[in-house]
């Protein structure tokens, strides 16, 4: 049997199919297998881009105070260097910029590389954990056999997430918080499929932003 997986990044919609979804236990298994449910939580490191406001550079001290920068420096992934920036009215100045170290380049094999909003530099998505479905809290069936499933879940930290939790205080709440989700399950062309509803917050969607 083939199973259709649909992906919409921003609204976290996906489908998974099964021979039957007859109750909460089966629904839990099917939802856990959904590709959007399995997507990792992450934080972003921007490298090779000057760190500045519209008209001035951030100071080195300001850069070092950023909790994710502090974490990345302690992990030995990045170092602070200088990069020329345009500050308006033709003014150019050397601003702090993060650069990957040799250890960071090695670690980045497990990261996802994106462009930045300015078109310069690199935005690295660093995975820190995955969702773990705790329980189905409500399972409501309709006359046509379709089911609406509500469930509780939380983020489960990987090794990087555990290290992050030890350094960045906000990470403890990110991983300990109980979260909720919803899925609609029904039979399509003889197969059961479940579709996740939109995640409620950026943190639910996987963005860690202390």
C-alpha atoms as a PDB file:
ATOM      1  CA  UNK A   1       0.000   0.000   0.000  1.00  0.00           C
ATOM      2  CA  UNK A   2       1.336   3.391  -0.914  1.00  0.00           C
ATOM      3  CA  UNK A   3       0.995   6.279   1.455  1.00  0.00           C
ATOM      4  CA  UNK A   4       0.719   9.923   0.463  1.00  0.00           C
ATOM      5  CA  UNK A   5       2.721  12.437   2.472  1.00  0.00           C
ATOM      6  CA  UNK A   6       1.754  16.066   1.956  1.00  0.00           C
ATOM      7  CA  UNK A   7       4.003  18.884   3.144  1.00  0.00           C
ATOM      8  CA  UNK A   8       3.228  22.548   3.681  1.00  0.00           C
ATOM      9  CA  UNK A   9       6.068  24.071   5.691  1.00  0.00           C
ATOM     10  CA  UNK A  10       4.302  27.059   7.215  1.00  0.00           C
ATOM     11  CA  UNK A  11       1.095  25.359   8.231  1.00  0.00           C
ATOM     12  CA  UNK A  12       2.574  21.984   9.167  1.00  0.00           C
ATOM     13  CA  UNK A  13       0.130  19.865   7.223  1.00  0.00           C
ATOM     14  CA  UNK A  14       0.868  16.264   6.391  1.00  0.00           C
ATOM     15  CA  UNK A  15      -0.880  12.978   5.815  1.00  0.00           C
ATOM     16  CA  UNK A  16      -0.102   9.412   6.692  1.00  0.00           C
ATOM     17  CA  UNK A  17      -2.096   6.344   5.890  1.00  0.00           C
ATOM     18  CA  UNK A  18      -2.866   3.074   7.615  1.00  0.00           C
ATOM     19  CA  UNK A  19      -5.057   0.062   7.115  1.00  0.00           C
ATOM     20  CA  UNK A  20      -7.230   1.279   9.985  1.00  0.00           C
ATOM     21  CA  UNK A  21      -7.449   4.027  12.542  1.00  0.00           C
ATOM     22  CA  UNK A  22      -9.948   2.542  14.913  1.00  0.00           C
ATOM     23  CA  UNK A  23      -8.981   4.155  18.176  1.00  0.00           C
ATOM     24  CA  UNK A  24      -6.589   6.394  20.106  1.00  0.00           C
ATOM     25  CA  UNK A  25      -3.648   3.970  20.095  1.00  0.00           C
ATOM     26  CA  UNK A  26      -3.692   3.559  16.336  1.00  0.00           C
ATOM     27  CA  UNK A  27      -4.176   7.295  15.848  1.00  0.00           C
ATOM     28  CA  UNK A  28      -1.144   7.951  18.064  1.00  0.00           C
ATOM     29  CA  UNK A  29       1.011   5.665  15.924  1.00  0.00           C
ATOM     30  CA  UNK A  30      -0.154   7.166  12.631  1.00  0.00           C
ATOM     31  CA  UNK A  31       0.292  10.786  13.791  1.00  0.00           C
ATOM     32  CA  UNK A  32       3.781  10.016  15.131  1.00  0.00           C
ATOM     33  CA  UNK A  33       4.769   8.828  11.651  1.00  0.00           C
ATOM     34  CA  UNK A  34       3.698  12.042   9.910  1.00  0.00           C
ATOM     35  CA  UNK A  35       6.607  13.852   8.271  1.00  0.00           C
ATOM     36  CA  UNK A  36       5.591  17.279   9.674  1.00  0.00           C
ATOM     37  CA  UNK A  37       5.355  15.761  13.163  1.00  0.00           C
ATOM     38  CA  UNK A  38       8.859  14.349  12.831  1.00  0.00           C
ATOM     39  CA  UNK A  39      10.508  17.627  11.780  1.00  0.00           C
ATOM     40  CA  UNK A  40      13.223  18.757  14.155  1.00  0.00           C
ATOM     41  CA  UNK A  41      13.175  21.818  16.402  1.00  0.00           C
ATOM     42  CA  UNK A  42      16.033  24.173  15.588  1.00  0.00           C
ATOM     43  CA  UNK A  43      17.720  27.483  16.223  1.00  0.00           C
ATOM     44  CA  UNK A  44      19.441  29.705  13.691  1.00  0.00           C
ATOM     45  CA  UNK A  45      23.077  30.798  13.498  1.00  0.00           C
ATOM     46  CA  UNK A  46      23.870  33.495  10.932  1.00  0.00           C
ATOM     47  CA  UNK A  47      27.429  33.566   9.634  1.00  0.00           C
ATOM     48  CA  UNK A  48      29.353  35.698   7.142  1.00  0.00           C
ATOM     49  CA  UNK A  49      26.979  38.629   7.624  1.00  0.00           C
ATOM     50  CA  UNK A  50      27.777  41.916   9.445  1.00  0.00           C
ATOM     51  CA  UNK A  51      25.915  42.259  12.722  1.00  0.00           C
ATOM     52  CA  UNK A  52      24.420  45.743  12.709  1.00  0.00           C
ATOM     53  CA  UNK A  53      21.377  47.949  13.062  1.00  0.00           C
ATOM     54  CA  UNK A  54      20.393  50.370  10.287  1.00  0.00           C
ATOM     55  CA  UNK A  55      23.048  52.953  11.137  1.00  0.00           C
ATOM     56  CA  UNK A  56      25.584  51.344  13.466  1.00  0.00           C
ATOM     57  CA  UNK A  57      27.457  48.155  14.147  1.00  0.00           C
ATOM     58  CA  UNK A  58      26.654  46.016  17.139  1.00  0.00           C
ATOM     59  CA  UNK A  59      29.510  46.010  19.595  1.00  0.00           C
ATOM     60  CA  UNK A  60      31.443  42.843  20.270  1.00  0.00           C
ATOM     61  CA  UNK A  61      30.008  42.822  23.803  1.00  0.00           C
ATOM     62  CA  UNK A  62      26.443  43.003  22.429  1.00  0.00           C
ATOM     63  CA  UNK A  63      27.138  40.092  20.099  1.00  0.00           C
ATOM     64  CA  UNK A  64      28.649  38.009  22.883  1.00  0.00           C
ATOM     65  CA  UNK A  65      25.615  38.626  25.118  1.00  0.00           C
ATOM     66  CA  UNK A  66      23.299  36.890  22.672  1.00  0.00           C
ATOM     67  CA  UNK A  67      22.384  33.543  24.282  1.00  0.00           C
ATOM     68  CA  UNK A  68      22.662  31.524  21.065  1.00  0.00           C
ATOM     69  CA  UNK A  69      25.947  33.198  20.148  1.00  0.00           C
ATOM     70  CA  UNK A  70      27.253  32.416  23.630  1.00  0.00           C
ATOM     71  CA  UNK A  71      26.225  28.796  23.178  1.00  0.00           C
ATOM     72  CA  UNK A  72      27.803  28.503  19.722  1.00  0.00           C
ATOM     73  CA  UNK A  73      31.067  30.066  20.948  1.00  0.00           C
ATOM     74  CA  UNK A  74      31.216  27.728  23.953  1.00  0.00           C
ATOM     75  CA  UNK A  75      30.667  24.768  21.643  1.00  0.00           C
ATOM     76  CA  UNK A  76      33.604  25.980  19.584  1.00  0.00           C
ATOM     77  CA  UNK A  77      31.471  26.344  16.463  1.00  0.00           C
ATOM     78  CA  UNK A  78      31.931  30.044  15.707  1.00  0.00           C
ATOM     79  CA  UNK A  79      34.335  32.894  16.289  1.00  0.00           C
ATOM     80  CA  UNK A  80      33.799  36.631  16.027  1.00  0.00           C
ATOM     81  CA  UNK A  81      35.609  38.388  13.209  1.00  0.00           C
ATOM     82  CA  UNK A  82      35.022  41.644  11.302  1.00  0.00           C
ATOM     83  CA  UNK A  83      33.181  42.253   8.046  1.00  0.00           C
ATOM     84  CA  UNK A  84      32.671  45.514   6.167  1.00  0.00           C
ATOM     85  CA  UNK A  85      29.113  46.832   6.336  1.00  0.00           C
ATOM     86  CA  UNK A  86      27.176  49.697   4.764  1.00  0.00           C
ATOM     87  CA  UNK A  87      25.625  51.840   7.497  1.00  0.00           C
ATOM     88  CA  UNK A  88      23.717  54.312   5.371  1.00  0.00           C
ATOM     89  CA  UNK A  89      24.580  57.614   3.671  1.00  0.00           C
ATOM     90  CA  UNK A  90      27.605  55.967   2.082  1.00  0.00           C
ATOM     91  CA  UNK A  91      29.222  55.163   5.429  1.00  0.00           C
ATOM     92  CA  UNK A  92      31.104  51.876   5.597  1.00  0.00           C
ATOM     93  CA  UNK A  93      32.551  50.314   8.690  1.00  0.00           C
ATOM     94  CA  UNK A  94      33.871  46.968   9.915  1.00  0.00           C
ATOM     95  CA  UNK A  95      31.210  45.268  12.034  1.00  0.00           C
ATOM     96  CA  UNK A  96      31.396  42.056  14.058  1.00  0.00           C
ATOM     97  CA  UNK A  97      30.510  38.924  12.134  1.00  0.00           C
ATOM     98  CA  UNK A  98      30.315  35.236  13.047  1.00  0.00           C
ATOM     99  CA  UNK A  99      32.464  32.759  11.146  1.00  0.00           C
ATOM    100  CA  UNK A 100      32.442  28.984  11.428  1.00  0.00           C
ATOM    101  CA  UNK A 101      35.505  27.410  13.003  1.00  0.00           C
ATOM    102  CA  UNK A 102      36.872  24.062  11.850  1.00  0.00           C
ATOM    103  CA  UNK A 103      34.696  22.417  14.521  1.00  0.00           C
ATOM    104  CA  UNK A 104      31.694  24.397  13.294  1.00  0.00           C
ATOM    105  CA  UNK A 105      32.287  23.317   9.708  1.00  0.00           C
ATOM    106  CA  UNK A 106      32.399  19.698  10.838  1.00  0.00           C
ATOM    107  CA  UNK A 107      29.235  20.083  12.929  1.00  0.00           C
ATOM    108  CA  UNK A 108      27.430  21.832  10.057  1.00  0.00           C
ATOM    109  CA  UNK A 109      27.223  18.522   8.207  1.00  0.00           C
ATOM    110  CA  UNK A 110      24.201  17.872  10.450  1.00  0.00           C
ATOM    111  CA  UNK A 111      22.704  21.356   9.950  1.00  0.00           C
ATOM    112  CA  UNK A 112      20.532  22.800   7.181  1.00  0.00           C
ATOM    113  CA  UNK A 113      21.919  25.706   5.180  1.00  0.00           C
ATOM    114  CA  UNK A 114      19.669  28.614   4.148  1.00  0.00           C
ATOM    115  CA  UNK A 115      20.132  32.084   2.708  1.00  0.00           C
ATOM    116  CA  UNK A 116      19.573  35.173   4.833  1.00  0.00           C
ATOM    117  CA  UNK A 117      16.980  37.894   4.346  1.00  0.00           C
ATOM    118  CA  UNK A 118      19.611  40.291   3.017  1.00  0.00           C
ATOM    119  CA  UNK A 119      20.907  37.847   0.458  1.00  0.00           C
ATOM    120  CA  UNK A 120      24.348  37.868   2.097  1.00  0.00           C
ATOM    121  CA  UNK A 121      25.802  35.286   4.430  1.00  0.00           C
ATOM    122  CA  UNK A 122      24.393  31.971   5.581  1.00  0.00           C
ATOM    123  CA  UNK A 123      21.639  31.051   8.041  1.00  0.00           C
ATOM    124  CA  UNK A 124      22.303  27.647   9.597  1.00  0.00           C
ATOM    125  CA  UNK A 125      19.380  25.724  11.106  1.00  0.00           C
ATOM    126  CA  UNK A 126      20.789  23.683  13.989  1.00  0.00           C
ATOM    127  CA  UNK A 127      18.547  20.763  15.064  1.00  0.00           C
ATOM    128  CA  UNK A 128      17.994  20.483  18.818  1.00  0.00           C
ATOM    129  CA  UNK A 129      15.253  17.875  19.239  1.00  0.00           C
ATOM    130  CA  UNK A 130      12.150  16.150  17.913  1.00  0.00           C
ATOM    131  CA  UNK A 131       8.526  15.874  18.953  1.00  0.00           C
ATOM    132  CA  UNK A 132       7.397  13.059  21.218  1.00  0.00           C
ATOM    133  CA  UNK A 133       3.663  12.356  21.326  1.00  0.00           C
ATOM    134  CA  UNK A 134       2.625  11.757  24.929  1.00  0.00           C
ATOM    135  CA  UNK A 135      -1.035  10.753  24.671  1.00  0.00           C
ATOM    136  CA  UNK A 136      -4.264  11.127  22.749  1.00  0.00           C
ATOM    137  CA  UNK A 137      -6.457  13.325  24.919  1.00  0.00           C
ATOM    138  CA  UNK A 138      -9.625  13.247  22.836  1.00  0.00           C
ATOM    139  CA  UNK A 139     -10.827  10.951  20.046  1.00  0.00           C
ATOM    140  CA  UNK A 140     -14.126  11.958  18.458  1.00  0.00           C
ATOM    141  CA  UNK A 141     -15.706  10.010  15.606  1.00  0.00           C
ATOM    142  CA  UNK A 142     -18.266  11.241  13.083  1.00  0.00           C
ATOM    143  CA  UNK A 143     -21.105   9.205  11.490  1.00  0.00           C
ATOM    144  CA  UNK A 144     -19.020   8.722   8.343  1.00  0.00           C
ATOM    145  CA  UNK A 145     -16.235   7.132  10.394  1.00  0.00           C
ATOM    146  CA  UNK A 146     -13.900  10.111  10.277  1.00  0.00           C
ATOM    147  CA  UNK A 147     -12.147  11.041  13.507  1.00  0.00           C
ATOM    148  CA  UNK A 148     -10.900  14.232  15.074  1.00  0.00           C
ATOM    149  CA  UNK A 149      -7.903  13.558  17.297  1.00  0.00           C
ATOM    150  CA  UNK A 150      -6.490  15.843  19.967  1.00  0.00           C
ATOM    151  CA  UNK A 151      -3.164  14.957  21.530  1.00  0.00           C
ATOM    152  CA  UNK A 152      -0.471  16.187  23.909  1.00  0.00           C
ATOM    153  CA  UNK A 153       3.220  16.229  23.087  1.00  0.00           C
ATOM    154  CA  UNK A 154       6.524  17.871  23.969  1.00  0.00           C
ATOM    155  CA  UNK A 155       9.941  18.456  22.461  1.00  0.00           C
ATOM    156  CA  UNK A 156      12.512  15.770  23.225  1.00  0.00           C
ATOM    157  CA  UNK A 157      16.062  17.151  23.203  1.00  0.00           C
ATOM    158  CA  UNK A 158      18.929  15.599  21.253  1.00  0.00           C
ATOM    159  CA  UNK A 159      22.546  15.950  22.420  1.00  0.00           C
ATOM    160  CA  UNK A 160      22.735  19.546  21.192  1.00  0.00           C
ATOM    161  CA  UNK A 161      19.415  20.347  22.858  1.00  0.00           C
ATOM    162  CA  UNK A 162      20.618  18.936  26.170  1.00  0.00           C
ATOM    163  CA  UNK A 163      23.794  21.029  25.956  1.00  0.00           C
ATOM    164  CA  UNK A 164      21.683  24.074  25.071  1.00  0.00           C
ATOM    165  CA  UNK A 165      19.477  23.515  28.101  1.00  0.00           C
ATOM    166  CA  UNK A 166      22.540  23.610  30.353  1.00  0.00           C
ATOM    167  CA  UNK A 167      23.644  27.021  29.016  1.00  0.00           C
ATOM    168  CA  UNK A 168      20.537  28.900  27.839  1.00  0.00           C
ATOM    169  CA  UNK A 169      17.883  29.182  30.596  1.00  0.00           C
ATOM    170  CA  UNK A 170      14.953  29.549  28.167  1.00  0.00           C
ATOM    171  CA  UNK A 171      15.698  26.129  26.693  1.00  0.00           C
ATOM    172  CA  UNK A 172      14.503  24.386  29.860  1.00  0.00           C
ATOM    173  CA  UNK A 173      10.972  25.704  29.374  1.00  0.00           C
ATOM    174  CA  UNK A 174      11.083  24.966  25.643  1.00  0.00           C
ATOM    175  CA  UNK A 175      11.711  21.273  26.292  1.00  0.00           C
ATOM    176  CA  UNK A 176       9.649  20.828  29.462  1.00  0.00           C
ATOM    177  CA  UNK A 177       6.452  22.518  28.255  1.00  0.00           C
ATOM    178  CA  UNK A 178       3.493  20.269  27.502  1.00  0.00           C
ATOM    179  CA  UNK A 179       1.986  21.176  24.126  1.00  0.00           C
ATOM    180  CA  UNK A 180      -1.187  20.247  22.284  1.00  0.00           C
ATOM    181  CA  UNK A 181      -2.053  19.393  18.702  1.00  0.00           C
ATOM    182  CA  UNK A 182      -4.912  18.213  16.567  1.00  0.00           C
ATOM    183  CA  UNK A 183      -5.321  15.956  13.549  1.00  0.00           C
ATOM    184  CA  UNK A 184      -8.224  14.959  11.319  1.00  0.00           C
ATOM    185  CA  UNK A 185      -8.308  11.337  10.240  1.00  0.00           C
ATOM    186  CA  UNK A 186     -10.535   9.776   7.609  1.00  0.00           C
ATOM    187  CA  UNK A 187     -10.789   7.205   4.883  1.00  0.00           C
ATOM    188  CA  UNK A 188      -9.795   8.246   1.357  1.00  0.00           C
ATOM    189  CA  UNK A 189      -9.987   5.770  -1.548  1.00  0.00           C
ATOM    190  CA  UNK A 190     -10.007   2.876   0.882  1.00  0.00           C
ATOM    191  CA  UNK A 191      -7.098   4.051   3.009  1.00  0.00           C
ATOM    192  CA  UNK A 192      -7.000   5.885   6.326  1.00  0.00           C
ATOM    193  CA  UNK A 193      -5.122   9.154   6.328  1.00  0.00           C
ATOM    194  CA  UNK A 194      -4.420  11.688   9.051  1.00  0.00           C
ATOM    195  CA  UNK A 195      -3.728  15.384   8.553  1.00  0.00           C
ATOM    196  CA  UNK A 196      -2.151  17.635  11.142  1.00  0.00           C
ATOM    197  CA  UNK A 197      -3.682  20.987  11.955  1.00  0.00           C
ATOM    198  CA  UNK A 198      -1.592  24.149  12.018  1.00  0.00           C
ATOM    199  CA  UNK A 199       0.825  24.506  14.936  1.00  0.00           C
ATOM    200  CA  UNK A 200      -0.277  27.212  17.374  1.00  0.00           C
ATOM    201  CA  UNK A 201       3.009  29.047  18.022  1.00  0.00           C
ATOM    202  CA  UNK A 202       6.479  29.410  16.467  1.00  0.00           C
ATOM    203  CA  UNK A 203       7.849  27.303  19.332  1.00  0.00           C
ATOM    204  CA  UNK A 204       5.322  24.568  18.530  1.00  0.00           C
ATOM    205  CA  UNK A 205       6.469  24.750  14.907  1.00  0.00           C
ATOM    206  CA  UNK A 206      10.046  24.222  16.055  1.00  0.00           C
ATOM    207  CA  UNK A 207      11.612  27.679  16.227  1.00  0.00           C
ATOM    208  CA  UNK A 208      13.696  28.208  19.360  1.00  0.00           C
ATOM    209  CA  UNK A 209      14.142  31.957  19.808  1.00  0.00           C
ATOM    210  CA  UNK A 210      15.293  32.902  23.343  1.00  0.00           C
END
